[in-house]
C-alpha atoms as a PDB file:
ATOM      1  CA  UNK A   1       0.119  -0.046   0.118  1.00  0.00           C
ATOM      2  CA  UNK A   2       1.340   3.370  -1.066  1.00  0.00           C
ATOM      3  CA  UNK A   3       0.301   6.589   1.046  1.00  0.00           C
ATOM      4  CA  UNK A   4       0.917  10.109  -0.394  1.00  0.00           C
ATOM      5  CA  UNK A   5       0.696  11.681   3.406  1.00  0.00           C
ATOM      6  CA  UNK A   6       4.300  12.347   4.376  1.00  0.00           C
ATOM      7  CA  UNK A   7       3.137  12.933   8.292  1.00  0.00           C
ATOM      8  CA  UNK A   8       2.409   9.131   8.877  1.00  0.00           C
ATOM      9  CA  UNK A   9       4.345   7.011  11.762  1.00  0.00           C
ATOM     10  CA  UNK A  10       3.727   3.097  11.948  1.00  0.00           C
ATOM     11  CA  UNK A  11       3.266   2.032  15.556  1.00  0.00           C
ATOM     12  CA  UNK A  12       1.750  -0.562  17.909  1.00  0.00           C
ATOM     13  CA  UNK A  13      -1.884  -0.232  19.216  1.00  0.00           C
ATOM     14  CA  UNK A  14      -1.225  -0.179  23.006  1.00  0.00           C
ATOM     15  CA  UNK A  15      -4.705   0.880  24.291  1.00  0.00           C
ATOM     16  CA  UNK A  16      -7.950   1.326  23.158  1.00  0.00           C
ATOM     17  CA  UNK A  17     -10.728   3.250  25.050  1.00  0.00           C
ATOM     18  CA  UNK A  18     -13.918   2.811  23.384  1.00  0.00           C
ATOM     19  CA  UNK A  19     -16.943   4.900  24.265  1.00  0.00           C
ATOM     20  CA  UNK A  20     -20.537   4.874  23.125  1.00  0.00           C
ATOM     21  CA  UNK A  21     -19.886   7.099  20.493  1.00  0.00           C
ATOM     22  CA  UNK A  22     -15.988   7.856  20.590  1.00  0.00           C
ATOM     23  CA  UNK A  23     -12.991   5.778  20.753  1.00  0.00           C
ATOM     24  CA  UNK A  24      -9.557   6.763  21.689  1.00  0.00           C
ATOM     25  CA  UNK A  25      -6.342   4.966  20.214  1.00  0.00           C
ATOM     26  CA  UNK A  26      -3.243   5.146  22.032  1.00  0.00           C
ATOM     27  CA  UNK A  27      -0.350   3.895  19.509  1.00  0.00           C
ATOM     28  CA  UNK A  28       3.465   3.108  20.639  1.00  0.00           C
ATOM     29  CA  UNK A  29       5.073   5.040  17.565  1.00  0.00           C
ATOM     30  CA  UNK A  30       8.324   4.794  19.283  1.00  0.00           C
ATOM     31  CA  UNK A  31       9.794   8.366  20.984  1.00  0.00           C
ATOM     32  CA  UNK A  32       6.179   9.226  22.702  1.00  0.00           C
ATOM     33  CA  UNK A  33       2.049   7.700  22.059  1.00  0.00           C
ATOM     34  CA  UNK A  34      -0.289   9.435  19.675  1.00  0.00           C
ATOM     35  CA  UNK A  35      -3.655   9.413  20.711  1.00  0.00           C
ATOM     36  CA  UNK A  36      -5.997   9.592  17.981  1.00  0.00           C
ATOM     37  CA  UNK A  37      -9.752  10.011  17.937  1.00  0.00           C
ATOM     38  CA  UNK A  38     -12.240   8.122  15.645  1.00  0.00           C
ATOM     39  CA  UNK A  39     -16.217   7.167  15.852  1.00  0.00           C
ATOM     40  CA  UNK A  40     -16.751   4.006  17.713  1.00  0.00           C
ATOM     41  CA  UNK A  41     -18.293   2.392  14.605  1.00  0.00           C
ATOM     42  CA  UNK A  42     -15.367   3.140  12.278  1.00  0.00           C
ATOM     43  CA  UNK A  43     -13.154   1.698  14.672  1.00  0.00           C
ATOM     44  CA  UNK A  44     -15.034  -1.502  15.375  1.00  0.00           C
ATOM     45  CA  UNK A  45     -15.083  -1.323  11.687  1.00  0.00           C
ATOM     46  CA  UNK A  46     -11.735  -1.030  11.811  1.00  0.00           C
ATOM     47  CA  UNK A  47     -11.782  -4.135  14.059  1.00  0.00           C
ATOM     48  CA  UNK A  48      -8.551  -2.505  15.756  1.00  0.00           C
ATOM     49  CA  UNK A  49      -7.622  -4.693  18.718  1.00  0.00           C
ATOM     50  CA  UNK A  50      -4.509  -4.035  21.020  1.00  0.00           C
ATOM     51  CA  UNK A  51      -1.326  -5.190  19.499  1.00  0.00           C
ATOM     52  CA  UNK A  52      -1.804  -4.554  16.283  1.00  0.00           C
ATOM     53  CA  UNK A  53       0.578  -2.655  13.868  1.00  0.00           C
ATOM     54  CA  UNK A  54      -1.248   0.415  12.380  1.00  0.00           C
ATOM     55  CA  UNK A  55       0.204   3.778  10.335  1.00  0.00           C
ATOM     56  CA  UNK A  56      -0.824   6.847  12.648  1.00  0.00           C
ATOM     57  CA  UNK A  57      -1.259   9.786  10.002  1.00  0.00           C
ATOM     58  CA  UNK A  58      -1.824  13.140  10.531  1.00  0.00           C
ATOM     59  CA  UNK A  59      -1.854  16.773   9.400  1.00  0.00           C
ATOM     60  CA  UNK A  60      -1.780  20.151  11.767  1.00  0.00           C
ATOM     61  CA  UNK A  61      -5.131  18.771  13.266  1.00  0.00           C
ATOM     62  CA  UNK A  62      -6.249  15.152  12.731  1.00  0.00           C
ATOM     63  CA  UNK A  63      -4.963  11.900  13.197  1.00  0.00           C
ATOM     64  CA  UNK A  64      -6.101   8.959  10.669  1.00  0.00           C
ATOM     65  CA  UNK A  65      -5.224   5.526  11.531  1.00  0.00           C
ATOM     66  CA  UNK A  66      -4.830   3.079   8.686  1.00  0.00           C
ATOM     67  CA  UNK A  67      -4.658  -1.203   9.524  1.00  0.00           C
ATOM     68  CA  UNK A  68      -2.770  -2.707   6.509  1.00  0.00           C
ATOM     69  CA  UNK A  69      -4.234  -6.951   6.625  1.00  0.00           C
ATOM     70  CA  UNK A  70      -1.750  -7.873   3.754  1.00  0.00           C
ATOM     71  CA  UNK A  71       1.516  -7.154   5.583  1.00  0.00           C
ATOM     72  CA  UNK A  72       2.654  -9.789   8.702  1.00  0.00           C
ATOM     73  CA  UNK A  73       3.041  -8.044  12.015  1.00  0.00           C
ATOM     74  CA  UNK A  74       6.589  -7.041  12.996  1.00  0.00           C
ATOM     75  CA  UNK A  75       7.407  -7.586  16.604  1.00  0.00           C
ATOM     76  CA  UNK A  76       8.817  -4.375  18.027  1.00  0.00           C
ATOM     77  CA  UNK A  77      10.029  -5.576  21.047  1.00  0.00           C
ATOM     78  CA  UNK A  78       7.450  -3.293  22.909  1.00  0.00           C
END
């Protein structure tokens, strides 16, 4: 998968805080965790679970989570 957005980080989901309408996904990208806020239905559609490898894409105000199911999981030793 190729993404043109230069502001992307690869990381592992550390924690998922699911609410009725909004879900927070905390991703370990190395130096510091990144938190993404998305609708709970979007989180369910992505089938996100702790330990999943994801891309955190962002601009000045938005973080986007992408899960690539076509690549094997990596062990980052976290």
